[in-house]
């Protein structure tokens, strides 16, 4: 089993042969021994593991405890070697796991301390306690007589970790602690409680020491990846196909930007600005956001090149501030483009229908062009561009199902041209998008065979298509999109009566064809159910919906569905047509 969502070790061997990396299998005991020091960068993420993470780890430890010959793979640990010492490393990725394992070591030492206080083999347990502290935590400082850790956490967590946890001092008021320090303390309490339930271990100092040394320190294995610089570290993140890696690569980029600021005032301001950006965009979406922003200046920006591009273009504090300013100015638009209800559109409600369509189509390739146009075009032209993007996306992506990579390439070029003032209005955008504007002939043909399931998220897309077709047919643009049921004329679960007209293969093919679907009042929909077509057709004449009243065929067959869908395709071709198409 490979836990923590990490890819197998083979992912690293290829990179190791290219001399980018040094990789090895190691244990927690090997890592923390021999006087090595591990520093979490000052601005790396705070400790964030919660009970579900602790419980997963503890269950894995219990398996090893009950099966002495087993071991457990903890995933990849990415370390950056120090330029000045072979004993010091920066923890690029893995700080959550290292901190948690150190807390388990502290919890074991605390249990031995309790045995000392209870006069249980006092001298032997005192000696065990000293050895374990020196091995897994560190020696005492000769001046303060306090223990300092071999693991140094980030600036928000390190003081509490050193002063309280390592020295077995509980906080005076846990509510006064920051959220991450509360989690550190709760992790200690959790593992202390778990140890307390191991009655065969917790009452014996020798067994406690064995539990830490033979299980936690030796049987929990890592793939240790040593890199020489931040660029190699970023390459590792893009190679690892794992949950949470994007967060780490985002942190790496953030740390690089922060390293460019000289004075504390600039650093604090950049931190505040970074927090505003991430709070708006959300950490997991930041790489995507950054890629779209960089596409305003460069072509074919790939996710794996984000950090390299930033390093090549941002080399001092002023350039770092300029980048942060630009990211902050685009962050609200980025989020609003994916949410038609966002307050961003409060003063331009005319944009909401088009944003809702982009949400529905799940189309983001146009984001760089929309970023550029929002700054350069008039509000009216920006709305016209949104409409164009929706029409083009519906034709290209939803109906014709063409390669989205080509669309992204074209939008990338358009975005750069808008930034450079080579494109100044929506008509010029259309001229540059002609290569991805599906022709009327192809669109009509593809729509004539369109099949969309009405299950799950696709149901919203079907409702949208029927709504657009109906409003065009009836001339009622104010008709509610949520007021009707989606009626399957040939039912999803047809009776034997229906099977006289359709084979099993035809049923599977035809039931979700657009030509077999129509809007219908909910009460009529319930009334007709799976009834034969003759009964259904009588109910259709009672409907307020034009599309439904126009179903006048004497019988419903595969040919009837195909014929109706061709008629709907002709209507769709003029509904989803660019204003600039001649």
Protein backbone atom coordinates (compact mmCIF):
# COMPACT_ATOMS: atom_id res chain seq x y z
CA UNK A 1 0.00 0.00 0.00
CA UNK A 2 1.23 3.51 -0.86
CA UNK A 3 -0.30 6.01 1.58
CA UNK A 4 -0.58 9.77 1.57
CA UNK A 5 -1.48 9.87 -2.13
CA UNK A 6 2.17 9.65 -3.31
CA UNK A 7 3.31 8.05 -6.56
CA UNK A 8 5.63 5.01 -6.50
CA UNK A 9 9.37 5.34 -6.19
CA UNK A 10 9.90 4.73 -9.92
CA UNK A 11 8.85 8.36 -10.49
CA UNK A 12 12.10 9.48 -8.87
CA UNK A 13 14.58 7.10 -10.41
CA UNK A 14 14.29 8.67 -13.86
CA UNK A 15 15.05 12.09 -12.47
CA UNK A 16 17.91 10.76 -10.38
CA UNK A 17 19.65 9.43 -13.50
CA UNK A 18 19.53 12.91 -15.01
CA UNK A 19 21.54 14.11 -11.99
CA UNK A 20 18.87 16.56 -10.93
CA UNK A 21 18.32 14.77 -7.66
CA UNK A 22 19.78 12.49 -5.02
CA UNK A 23 17.23 9.92 -3.83
CA UNK A 24 17.33 7.19 -1.20
CA UNK A 25 15.10 5.19 1.11
CA UNK A 26 15.40 6.29 4.72
CA UNK A 27 13.66 6.03 8.07
CA UNK A 28 12.69 8.67 10.60
CA UNK A 29 15.51 7.43 12.86
CA UNK A 30 18.08 7.76 10.08
CA UNK A 31 16.84 11.22 9.22
CA UNK A 32 16.92 12.62 12.70
CA UNK A 33 20.19 10.99 13.80
CA UNK A 34 23.86 11.88 13.44
CA UNK A 35 23.44 15.50 14.46
CA UNK A 36 21.36 16.50 11.44
CA UNK A 37 19.19 19.62 11.60
CA UNK A 38 16.07 20.19 9.51
CA UNK A 39 14.73 23.72 9.04
CA UNK A 40 11.27 24.50 7.75
CA UNK A 41 11.48 27.77 5.75
CA UNK A 42 10.19 30.72 7.84
CA UNK A 43 7.23 31.39 5.55
CA UNK A 44 6.27 27.80 4.82
CA UNK A 45 2.72 26.73 5.66
CA UNK A 46 1.81 26.42 9.33
CA UNK A 47 1.18 23.04 10.90
CA UNK A 48 -2.22 21.94 9.61
CA UNK A 49 -2.72 18.22 10.28
CA UNK A 50 -5.93 17.33 12.06
CA UNK A 51 -7.37 14.30 13.82
CA UNK A 52 -8.18 12.45 10.61
CA UNK A 53 -4.50 12.68 9.60
CA UNK A 54 -3.29 11.65 13.05
CA UNK A 55 -5.68 8.73 13.12
CA UNK A 56 -4.53 7.45 9.71
CA UNK A 57 -0.91 7.58 10.85
CA UNK A 58 -1.65 5.92 14.20
CA UNK A 59 -3.53 3.06 12.52
CA UNK A 60 -0.51 2.45 10.29
CA UNK A 61 1.75 2.42 13.36
CA UNK A 62 -0.54 -0.06 15.11
CA UNK A 63 -0.33 -2.41 12.12
CA UNK A 64 3.47 -2.40 12.44
CA UNK A 65 3.18 -2.85 16.22
CA UNK A 66 1.01 -5.94 15.74
CA UNK A 67 3.00 -7.27 12.77
CA UNK A 68 6.68 -6.83 13.72
CA UNK A 69 8.02 -7.88 10.30
CA UNK A 70 6.08 -5.16 8.45
CA UNK A 71 7.00 -1.58 7.60
CA UNK A 72 5.14 1.41 6.23
CA UNK A 73 5.93 3.82 3.39
CA UNK A 74 5.38 7.46 4.39
CA UNK A 75 5.88 8.99 0.94
CA UNK A 76 8.43 11.42 -0.43
CA UNK A 77 10.42 13.87 1.67
CA UNK A 78 11.98 16.71 -0.36
CA UNK A 79 15.02 18.35 1.22
CA UNK A 80 17.29 21.11 -0.01
CA UNK A 81 20.92 20.67 0.90
CA UNK A 82 22.75 23.45 2.74
CA UNK A 83 25.58 25.26 0.98
CA UNK A 84 27.58 25.42 4.22
CA UNK A 85 26.97 22.13 6.01
CA UNK A 86 26.22 18.52 5.09
CA UNK A 87 24.28 18.21 8.36
CA UNK A 88 21.70 20.93 7.69
CA UNK A 89 18.72 20.68 5.36
CA UNK A 90 15.77 22.86 4.40
CA UNK A 91 12.48 20.95 4.41
CA UNK A 92 10.83 21.76 1.08
CA UNK A 93 8.07 19.17 1.44
CA UNK A 94 7.29 16.83 4.34
CA UNK A 95 7.24 19.21 7.30
CA UNK A 96 3.78 18.05 8.39
CA UNK A 97 4.95 14.43 8.64
CA UNK A 98 8.27 15.24 10.30
CA UNK A 99 6.60 17.48 12.88
CA UNK A 100 4.00 14.82 13.64
CA UNK A 101 6.57 12.04 14.09
CA UNK A 102 8.57 14.31 16.40
CA UNK A 103 5.41 14.89 18.44
CA UNK A 104 4.97 11.13 18.78
CA UNK A 105 8.54 10.94 20.07
CA UNK A 106 7.73 13.69 22.59
CA UNK A 107 4.60 11.80 23.68
CA UNK A 108 6.66 8.64 24.31
CA UNK A 109 9.24 10.59 26.32
CA UNK A 110 6.44 12.19 28.33
CA UNK A 111 5.10 8.72 29.24
CA UNK A 112 8.54 7.69 30.46
CA UNK A 113 8.71 10.92 32.48
CA UNK A 114 5.49 9.89 34.21
CA UNK A 115 7.03 6.56 35.13
CA UNK A 116 9.99 8.44 36.63
CA UNK A 117 7.59 10.59 38.67
CA UNK A 118 5.87 7.41 39.88
CA UNK A 119 9.26 6.00 41.01
CA UNK A 120 8.96 3.14 38.50
CA UNK A 121 12.57 1.99 37.87
CA UNK A 122 13.43 5.62 38.30
CA UNK A 123 17.12 5.61 37.44
CA UNK A 124 16.76 3.35 34.41
CA UNK A 125 13.85 5.37 33.06
CA UNK A 126 15.66 8.65 33.64
CA UNK A 127 18.55 7.32 31.61
CA UNK A 128 16.20 6.10 28.85
CA UNK A 129 14.55 9.50 28.78
CA UNK A 130 17.89 11.29 28.38
CA UNK A 131 19.02 8.95 25.59
CA UNK A 132 15.74 9.32 23.67
CA UNK A 133 15.82 13.12 24.01
CA UNK A 134 19.37 13.28 22.70
CA UNK A 135 18.55 10.86 19.86
CA UNK A 136 15.23 12.26 18.63
CA UNK A 137 15.02 15.80 19.98
CA UNK A 138 18.44 17.21 20.82
CA UNK A 139 20.87 17.81 23.63
CA UNK A 140 20.29 20.37 26.33
CA UNK A 141 21.50 23.90 25.85
CA UNK A 142 24.28 24.25 28.49
CA UNK A 143 23.10 27.78 29.39
CA UNK A 144 19.32 27.49 29.60
CA UNK A 145 19.29 23.72 30.31
CA UNK A 146 16.35 23.48 27.93
CA UNK A 147 16.06 21.04 25.06
CA UNK A 148 16.03 22.40 21.53
CA UNK A 149 14.82 20.43 18.55
CA UNK A 150 16.65 18.91 15.64
CA UNK A 151 13.59 20.03 13.70
CA UNK A 152 13.02 23.79 13.45
CA UNK A 153 9.48 24.70 12.38
CA UNK A 154 8.31 27.87 10.64
CA UNK A 155 8.20 31.28 12.26
CA UNK A 156 4.63 30.85 13.53
CA UNK A 157 5.12 27.42 15.11
CA UNK A 158 8.73 27.16 16.19
CA UNK A 159 8.55 29.10 19.47
CA UNK A 160 5.66 27.00 20.77
CA UNK A 161 7.29 23.80 19.54
CA UNK A 162 10.62 24.56 21.22
CA UNK A 163 9.40 26.22 24.43
CA UNK A 164 6.41 24.04 25.18
CA UNK A 165 6.36 20.71 23.39
CA UNK A 166 10.01 19.75 23.56
CA UNK A 167 10.22 20.89 27.18
CA UNK A 168 6.96 19.11 28.10
CA UNK A 169 5.30 22.34 29.20
CA UNK A 170 1.58 22.69 28.62
CA UNK A 171 0.24 26.07 27.44
CA UNK A 172 -1.21 28.35 30.10
CA UNK A 173 -4.22 29.16 27.92
CA UNK A 174 -4.76 27.04 24.83
CA UNK A 175 -7.38 29.46 23.50
CA UNK A 176 -4.78 32.20 23.31
CA UNK A 177 -2.68 30.12 20.90
CA UNK A 178 -2.84 30.49 17.14
CA UNK A 179 -4.86 27.83 15.32
CA UNK A 180 -1.75 25.99 14.12
CA UNK A 181 -0.18 25.95 17.59
CA UNK A 182 -3.44 24.62 18.98
CA UNK A 183 -3.20 21.81 16.43
CA UNK A 184 0.36 21.04 17.54
CA UNK A 185 -0.79 20.76 21.14
CA UNK A 186 -3.85 18.71 20.18
CA UNK A 187 -1.61 16.35 18.19
CA UNK A 188 0.51 15.80 21.30
CA UNK A 189 -2.60 15.14 23.39
CA UNK A 190 -3.99 12.77 20.74
CA UNK A 191 -0.87 10.60 20.55
CA UNK A 192 -0.39 10.70 24.32
CA UNK A 193 -3.94 9.37 24.66
CA UNK A 194 -3.31 6.68 22.02
CA UNK A 195 -0.17 5.53 23.83
CA UNK A 196 -2.16 5.41 27.05
CA UNK A 197 -4.41 2.77 25.49
CA UNK A 198 -1.45 0.49 24.74
CA UNK A 199 -1.46 -1.06 28.21
CA UNK A 200 1.25 -3.58 27.31
CA UNK A 201 3.59 -0.70 26.40
CA UNK A 202 2.76 2.37 28.45
CA UNK A 203 3.52 0.83 31.88
CA UNK A 204 7.06 -0.24 30.97
CA UNK A 205 9.85 2.23 30.13
CA UNK A 206 11.80 -0.39 28.20
CA UNK A 207 8.79 -1.19 26.00
CA UNK A 208 8.08 2.51 25.45
CA UNK A 209 11.66 3.05 24.30
CA UNK A 210 11.41 -0.03 22.06
CA UNK A 211 8.13 1.26 20.59
CA UNK A 212 9.77 4.55 19.61
CA UNK A 213 13.10 3.12 18.48
CA UNK A 214 12.01 -0.05 16.67
CA UNK A 215 8.63 0.99 15.27
CA UNK A 216 8.34 4.75 14.84
CA UNK A 217 12.02 5.40 14.10
CA UNK A 218 12.85 2.31 11.99
CA UNK A 219 9.69 0.99 10.36
CA UNK A 220 8.25 4.25 8.96
CA UNK A 221 10.10 4.72 5.68
CA UNK A 222 10.51 7.73 3.39
CA UNK A 223 11.87 8.32 -0.07
CA UNK A 224 14.36 11.06 0.73
CA UNK A 225 14.89 13.38 -2.23
CA UNK A 226 17.76 15.84 -1.91
CA UNK A 227 17.77 18.80 -4.29
CA UNK A 228 20.36 21.52 -4.79
CA UNK A 229 18.08 24.51 -5.32
CA UNK A 230 14.47 25.70 -5.50
CA UNK A 231 14.19 25.05 -9.23
CA UNK A 232 14.98 21.35 -8.82
CA UNK A 233 12.55 21.21 -5.91
CA UNK A 234 9.81 22.65 -8.09
CA UNK A 235 10.60 20.06 -10.76
CA UNK A 236 10.03 17.36 -8.14
CA UNK A 237 6.62 18.79 -7.25
CA UNK A 238 5.54 18.77 -10.86
CA UNK A 239 6.70 15.12 -11.19
CA UNK A 240 4.93 13.88 -8.08
CA UNK A 241 1.33 13.10 -8.92
CA UNK A 242 0.07 13.55 -5.38
CA UNK A 243 -2.51 15.28 -3.29
CA UNK A 244 -1.20 18.43 -1.68
CA UNK A 245 1.86 18.81 -3.88
CA UNK A 246 0.43 21.87 -5.60
CA UNK A 247 0.18 23.52 -2.21
CA UNK A 248 3.86 22.83 -1.63
CA UNK A 249 4.92 24.17 -5.03
CA UNK A 250 2.87 27.30 -4.34
CA UNK A 251 4.65 27.69 -1.01
CA UNK A 252 7.98 27.30 -2.78
CA UNK A 253 7.15 30.11 -5.18
CA UNK A 254 5.96 32.28 -2.29
CA UNK A 255 9.21 31.67 -0.40
CA UNK A 256 11.22 32.64 -3.47
CA UNK A 257 9.34 35.94 -3.80
CA UNK A 258 9.74 36.69 -0.08
CA UNK A 259 13.48 36.03 -0.33
CA UNK A 260 13.79 38.99 -2.72
CA UNK A 261 12.69 41.57 -0.16
CA UNK A 262 15.44 43.25 1.82
CA UNK A 263 13.84 45.09 4.74
CA UNK A 264 11.30 43.87 7.30
CA UNK A 265 8.71 46.46 6.23
CA UNK A 266 8.74 45.27 2.60
CA UNK A 267 8.61 41.67 3.78
CA UNK A 268 5.61 42.29 6.02
CA UNK A 269 3.76 44.17 3.30
CA UNK A 270 4.42 41.37 0.79
CA UNK A 271 3.17 38.82 3.32
CA UNK A 272 -0.04 40.79 3.80
CA UNK A 273 -0.49 41.08 0.05
CA UNK A 274 0.17 37.36 -0.45
CA UNK A 275 -2.45 36.49 2.17
CA UNK A 276 -5.01 38.67 0.42
CA UNK A 277 -4.32 36.95 -2.91
CA UNK A 278 -4.46 33.42 -1.51
CA UNK A 279 -7.57 34.18 0.55
CA UNK A 280 -9.27 35.29 -2.66
CA UNK A 281 -7.99 32.64 -5.07
CA UNK A 282 -7.61 29.73 -2.59
CA UNK A 283 -4.33 27.86 -2.33
CA UNK A 284 -5.33 24.85 -4.42
CA UNK A 285 -6.32 27.07 -7.38
CA UNK A 286 -3.24 29.29 -7.25
CA UNK A 287 -1.12 27.37 -9.84
CA UNK A 288 -4.01 27.51 -12.30
CA UNK A 289 -4.49 31.23 -11.62
CA UNK A 290 -0.79 31.94 -12.03
CA UNK A 291 -0.69 30.04 -15.32
CA UNK A 292 -3.53 32.11 -16.76
CA UNK A 293 -1.90 35.34 -15.61
CA UNK A 294 1.50 34.43 -17.10
CA UNK A 295 -0.30 33.62 -20.36
CA UNK A 296 -0.83 37.36 -20.76
CA UNK A 297 2.87 37.68 -21.60
CA UNK A 298 4.02 34.25 -22.81
CA UNK A 299 2.76 31.53 -25.12
CA UNK A 300 2.20 27.89 -24.15
CA UNK A 301 2.71 28.34 -20.42
CA UNK A 302 2.79 24.85 -18.91
CA UNK A 303 2.18 24.08 -15.27
CA UNK A 304 5.61 22.53 -14.86
CA UNK A 305 7.31 25.77 -16.01
CA UNK A 306 5.53 28.21 -13.67
CA UNK A 307 8.32 28.48 -11.12
CA UNK A 308 11.01 28.67 -13.79
CA UNK A 309 9.19 31.50 -15.57
CA UNK A 310 8.84 33.47 -12.35
CA UNK A 311 12.51 32.98 -11.49
CA UNK A 312 13.55 34.13 -14.96
CA UNK A 313 11.38 37.26 -14.93
CA UNK A 314 11.31 38.31 -11.25
CA UNK A 315 14.78 38.95 -9.83
CA UNK A 316 14.45 41.75 -7.28
CA UNK A 317 12.09 43.15 -4.70
CA UNK A 318 10.50 45.72 -7.01
CA UNK A 319 9.72 43.10 -9.64
CA UNK A 320 8.30 40.86 -6.92
CA UNK A 321 6.01 43.67 -5.74
CA UNK A 322 4.97 44.33 -9.35
CA UNK A 323 4.02 40.66 -9.76
CA UNK A 324 2.08 40.60 -6.49
CA UNK A 325 0.27 43.81 -7.51
CA UNK A 326 -0.75 42.26 -10.82
CA UNK A 327 -1.84 39.00 -9.23
CA UNK A 328 -3.92 40.84 -6.66
CA UNK A 329 -5.58 43.00 -9.32
CA UNK A 330 -6.58 39.89 -11.32
CA UNK A 331 -7.51 37.62 -8.40
CA UNK A 332 -11.09 38.81 -7.93
CA UNK A 333 -11.82 38.54 -11.65
CA UNK A 334 -10.38 35.02 -11.74
CA UNK A 335 -12.78 33.85 -9.05
CA UNK A 336 -15.73 35.81 -10.48
CA UNK A 337 -15.31 34.23 -13.92
CA UNK A 338 -16.26 30.93 -12.28
CA UNK A 339 -19.21 32.22 -10.26
CA UNK A 340 -22.13 34.13 -11.77
CA UNK A 341 -23.38 35.00 -8.28
CA UNK A 342 -20.14 36.68 -7.24
CA UNK A 343 -20.50 40.27 -5.96
CA UNK A 344 -17.95 41.24 -8.60
CA UNK A 345 -20.85 41.35 -11.10
CA UNK A 346 -23.14 43.45 -8.88
CA UNK A 347 -22.64 46.56 -11.01
CA UNK A 348 -22.72 44.66 -14.32
CA UNK A 349 -25.59 42.17 -14.02
CA UNK A 350 -25.73 41.89 -17.82
CA UNK A 351 -22.61 39.70 -17.57
CA UNK A 352 -24.13 37.16 -15.19
CA UNK A 353 -25.92 35.02 -17.84
CA UNK A 354 -22.69 34.59 -19.81
CA UNK A 355 -20.63 33.81 -16.71
CA UNK A 356 -23.23 31.22 -15.78
CA UNK A 357 -22.80 29.65 -19.25
CA UNK A 358 -19.02 29.50 -18.80
CA UNK A 359 -19.64 27.74 -15.48
CA UNK A 360 -21.99 25.31 -17.14
CA UNK A 361 -19.64 24.58 -20.04
CA UNK A 362 -16.64 24.29 -17.67
CA UNK A 363 -14.59 26.35 -20.09
CA UNK A 364 -11.52 28.21 -18.82
CA UNK A 365 -9.27 28.42 -21.86
CA UNK A 366 -10.50 31.97 -22.50
CA UNK A 367 -9.46 33.29 -19.07
CA UNK A 368 -6.23 35.00 -20.24
CA UNK A 369 -8.10 36.80 -23.04
CA UNK A 370 -10.82 37.83 -20.59
CA UNK A 371 -8.18 39.06 -18.11
CA UNK A 372 -6.69 41.27 -20.81
CA UNK A 373 -10.02 42.47 -22.21
CA UNK A 374 -11.40 43.43 -18.80
CA UNK A 375 -8.59 45.96 -18.44
CA UNK A 376 -8.55 47.18 -22.05
CA UNK A 377 -12.10 47.01 -23.44
CA UNK A 378 -15.08 49.17 -22.58
CA UNK A 379 -17.68 47.49 -20.32
CA UNK A 380 -19.97 47.05 -23.33
CA UNK A 381 -17.24 45.42 -25.41
CA UNK A 382 -16.27 43.15 -22.53
CA UNK A 383 -19.90 41.92 -22.38
CA UNK A 384 -19.90 41.34 -26.15
CA UNK A 385 -16.68 39.37 -25.79
CA UNK A 386 -18.20 37.23 -23.03
CA UNK A 387 -21.12 36.44 -25.33
CA UNK A 388 -18.72 35.53 -28.15
CA UNK A 389 -16.72 33.23 -25.87
CA UNK A 390 -19.91 31.45 -24.77
CA UNK A 391 -21.10 30.92 -28.36
CA UNK A 392 -17.71 29.73 -29.50
CA UNK A 393 -17.36 27.42 -26.48
CA UNK A 394 -20.81 25.89 -26.98
CA UNK A 395 -20.10 25.16 -30.64
CA UNK A 396 -16.52 23.96 -30.19
CA UNK A 397 -16.61 22.15 -26.84
CA UNK A 398 -20.16 21.11 -26.04
CA UNK A 399 -21.53 20.19 -29.48
CA UNK A 400 -18.52 19.38 -31.66
CA UNK A 401 -16.26 18.06 -28.83
CA UNK A 402 -13.05 19.32 -30.47
CA UNK A 403 -9.55 19.41 -28.94
CA UNK A 404 -9.45 22.07 -26.18
CA UNK A 405 -5.67 22.49 -26.56
CA UNK A 406 -6.10 24.23 -29.90
CA UNK A 407 -8.61 26.63 -28.38
CA UNK A 408 -6.25 27.44 -25.50
CA UNK A 409 -3.41 28.20 -27.92
CA UNK A 410 -5.55 30.63 -29.91
CA UNK A 411 -6.89 32.39 -26.81
CA UNK A 412 -3.31 32.71 -25.54
CA UNK A 413 -2.31 34.56 -28.70
CA UNK A 414 -5.39 36.77 -28.47
CA UNK A 415 -4.61 37.68 -24.84
CA UNK A 416 -1.08 38.77 -25.74
CA UNK A 417 -2.39 40.77 -28.70
CA UNK A 418 -4.91 42.58 -26.48
CA UNK A 419 -2.17 43.42 -23.96
CA UNK A 420 -0.01 44.77 -26.79
CA UNK A 421 -2.96 46.84 -28.16
CA UNK A 422 -2.89 44.88 -31.42
CA UNK A 423 -6.51 43.84 -30.74
CA UNK A 424 -8.81 46.55 -29.40
CA UNK A 425 -12.37 45.28 -29.85
CA UNK A 426 -14.47 42.07 -29.90
CA UNK A 427 -14.74 41.98 -33.71
CA UNK A 428 -10.96 41.76 -33.98
CA UNK A 429 -11.03 38.99 -31.37
CA UNK A 430 -13.51 37.09 -33.53
CA UNK A 431 -11.29 37.47 -36.60
CA UNK A 432 -8.44 35.93 -34.62
CA UNK A 433 -10.68 33.12 -33.37
CA UNK A 434 -12.03 32.06 -36.77
CA UNK A 435 -9.90 28.92 -36.76
CA UNK A 436 -11.81 27.61 -33.72
CA UNK A 437 -15.25 28.93 -34.70
CA UNK A 438 -17.16 25.85 -35.81
CA UNK A 439 -18.88 26.47 -39.15
CA UNK A 440 -22.68 26.48 -39.40
CA UNK A 441 -22.59 23.36 -41.55
CA UNK A 442 -20.51 21.35 -39.09
CA UNK A 443 -22.40 22.68 -36.07
CA UNK A 444 -25.78 21.74 -37.60
CA UNK A 445 -24.49 18.28 -38.45
CA UNK A 446 -22.98 17.70 -35.00
CA UNK A 447 -26.04 19.04 -33.16
CA UNK A 448 -28.23 16.68 -35.20
CA UNK A 449 -26.54 13.75 -33.44
CA UNK A 450 -25.98 15.35 -30.02
CA UNK A 451 -26.45 13.00 -27.06
CA UNK A 452 -26.25 14.31 -23.48
CA UNK A 453 -27.17 12.28 -20.43
CA UNK A 454 -29.73 13.83 -18.10
CA UNK A 455 -28.05 12.34 -15.06
CA UNK A 456 -25.84 14.22 -12.60
CA UNK A 457 -24.25 17.53 -13.61
CA UNK A 458 -25.11 17.00 -17.27
CA UNK A 459 -28.79 17.49 -16.42
CA UNK A 460 -28.18 21.23 -15.96
CA UNK A 461 -26.65 21.42 -19.42
CA UNK A 462 -29.67 19.66 -20.96
CA UNK A 463 -32.05 22.07 -19.19
CA UNK A 464 -30.05 25.02 -20.51
CA UNK A 465 -30.20 23.75 -24.11
CA UNK A 466 -33.94 23.08 -23.95
CA UNK A 467 -34.51 26.48 -22.32
CA UNK A 468 -32.59 28.29 -25.08
CA UNK A 469 -34.45 26.38 -27.79
CA UNK A 470 -37.84 27.06 -26.15
CA UNK A 471 -37.27 30.79 -25.56
CA UNK A 472 -36.26 31.16 -29.20
CA UNK A 473 -39.32 29.20 -30.36
CA UNK A 474 -41.82 30.98 -28.10
CA UNK A 475 -40.25 34.45 -28.05
CA UNK A 476 -40.44 34.44 -24.23
CA UNK A 477 -36.94 35.37 -22.95
CA UNK A 478 -38.34 35.74 -19.42
CA UNK A 479 -39.23 32.05 -19.19
CA UNK A 480 -37.76 30.38 -16.11
CA UNK A 481 -35.03 27.86 -16.79
CA UNK A 482 -35.95 25.99 -13.60
CA UNK A 483 -39.72 25.89 -14.12
CA UNK A 484 -39.98 22.76 -16.26
CA UNK A 485 -39.14 19.08 -16.07
CA UNK A 486 -37.01 17.36 -18.70
CA UNK A 487 -39.36 14.93 -20.44
CA UNK A 488 -37.94 11.83 -22.15
CA UNK A 489 -40.46 11.09 -24.87
CA UNK A 490 -39.00 7.61 -25.28
CA UNK A 491 -38.75 6.85 -21.51
CA UNK A 492 -35.53 5.99 -19.73
CA UNK A 493 -37.26 2.79 -18.53
CA UNK A 494 -39.54 1.89 -21.45
CA UNK A 495 -42.41 -0.57 -21.12
CA UNK A 496 -43.00 -3.49 -23.48
CA UNK A 497 -45.31 -1.28 -25.52
CA UNK A 498 -42.34 0.97 -26.38
CA UNK A 499 -40.16 -2.03 -27.27
CA UNK A 500 -42.38 -2.77 -30.25
CA UNK A 501 -40.91 0.34 -31.89
CA UNK A 502 -37.32 0.30 -30.56
CA UNK A 503 -34.67 -2.38 -30.24
CA UNK A 504 -32.51 -2.47 -27.09
CA UNK A 505 -29.65 -0.90 -29.05
CA UNK A 506 -31.91 1.89 -30.31
CA UNK A 507 -33.20 2.59 -26.81
CA UNK A 508 -29.66 2.94 -25.50
CA UNK A 509 -28.73 5.24 -28.37
CA UNK A 510 -31.89 7.33 -28.59
CA UNK A 511 -33.11 7.95 -25.05
CA UNK A 512 -30.66 10.83 -24.42
CA UNK A 513 -30.71 12.31 -27.93
CA UNK A 514 -31.73 15.98 -27.78
CA UNK A 515 -34.48 15.16 -30.26
CA UNK A 516 -36.03 12.81 -27.67
CA UNK A 517 -36.11 15.47 -24.94
CA UNK A 518 -38.58 18.29 -24.39
CA UNK A 519 -39.62 20.73 -21.65
CA UNK A 520 -42.81 19.79 -19.80
CA UNK A 521 -44.69 21.00 -16.74
CA UNK A 522 -43.84 18.85 -13.69
CA UNK A 523 -47.45 17.79 -13.13
CA UNK A 524 -47.83 16.66 -16.75
CA UNK A 525 -44.47 14.92 -16.56
CA UNK A 526 -45.63 12.90 -13.56
CA UNK A 527 -48.95 12.19 -15.30
CA UNK A 528 -47.49 10.71 -18.49
CA UNK A 529 -44.65 8.74 -16.81
CA UNK A 530 -43.72 5.77 -19.04
CA UNK A 531 -47.06 5.70 -20.85
CA UNK A 532 -47.25 4.87 -24.58
CA UNK A 533 -46.63 7.68 -27.04
CA UNK A 534 -50.31 8.16 -27.97
CA UNK A 535 -51.17 8.97 -24.34
CA UNK A 536 -48.15 11.22 -23.98
CA UNK A 537 -48.87 13.13 -27.18
CA UNK A 538 -52.31 14.12 -25.90
CA UNK A 539 -50.76 15.56 -22.73
CA UNK A 540 -48.15 17.44 -24.79
CA UNK A 541 -50.92 19.49 -26.41
CA UNK A 542 -51.85 20.82 -22.95
CA UNK A 543 -48.31 22.20 -22.39
CA UNK A 544 -47.43 25.90 -22.50
CA UNK A 545 -44.12 25.06 -24.17
CA UNK A 546 -43.96 25.53 -27.95
CA UNK A 547 -41.35 22.83 -28.45
CA UNK A 548 -43.64 20.33 -26.77
CA UNK A 549 -46.92 21.36 -28.45
CA UNK A 550 -45.16 21.05 -31.82
CA UNK A 551 -44.63 17.31 -31.27
CA UNK A 552 -47.34 16.16 -33.70
CA UNK A 553 -45.94 12.90 -35.11
CA UNK A 554 -48.39 10.02 -35.36
CA UNK A 555 -45.85 7.60 -33.84
CA UNK A 556 -42.54 7.96 -32.07
CA UNK A 557 -39.70 6.03 -33.70
CA UNK A 558 -35.96 6.32 -34.22
CA UNK A 559 -36.62 8.12 -37.50
CA UNK A 560 -39.01 10.56 -35.78
CA UNK A 561 -36.38 11.42 -33.16
CA UNK A 562 -33.73 11.98 -35.84
CA UNK A 563 -36.09 14.18 -37.88
CA UNK A 564 -37.04 16.31 -34.87
CA UNK A 565 -33.41 16.70 -33.86
CA UNK A 566 -32.46 17.94 -37.34
CA UNK A 567 -35.14 20.63 -36.99
CA UNK A 568 -33.82 21.59 -33.56
CA UNK A 569 -30.30 21.73 -35.00
CA UNK A 570 -31.41 24.32 -37.57
CA UNK A 571 -32.84 26.43 -34.76
CA UNK A 572 -29.71 25.96 -32.61
CA UNK A 573 -27.48 27.14 -35.45
CA UNK A 574 -28.95 30.62 -35.43
CA UNK A 575 -29.28 30.74 -31.59
CA UNK A 576 -25.62 29.98 -30.95
CA UNK A 577 -24.14 32.19 -33.65
CA UNK A 578 -21.58 34.96 -33.28
CA UNK A 579 -22.79 38.53 -33.78
CA UNK A 580 -19.73 39.01 -35.97
CA UNK A 581 -20.32 35.99 -38.22
CA UNK A 582 -21.11 36.94 -41.81
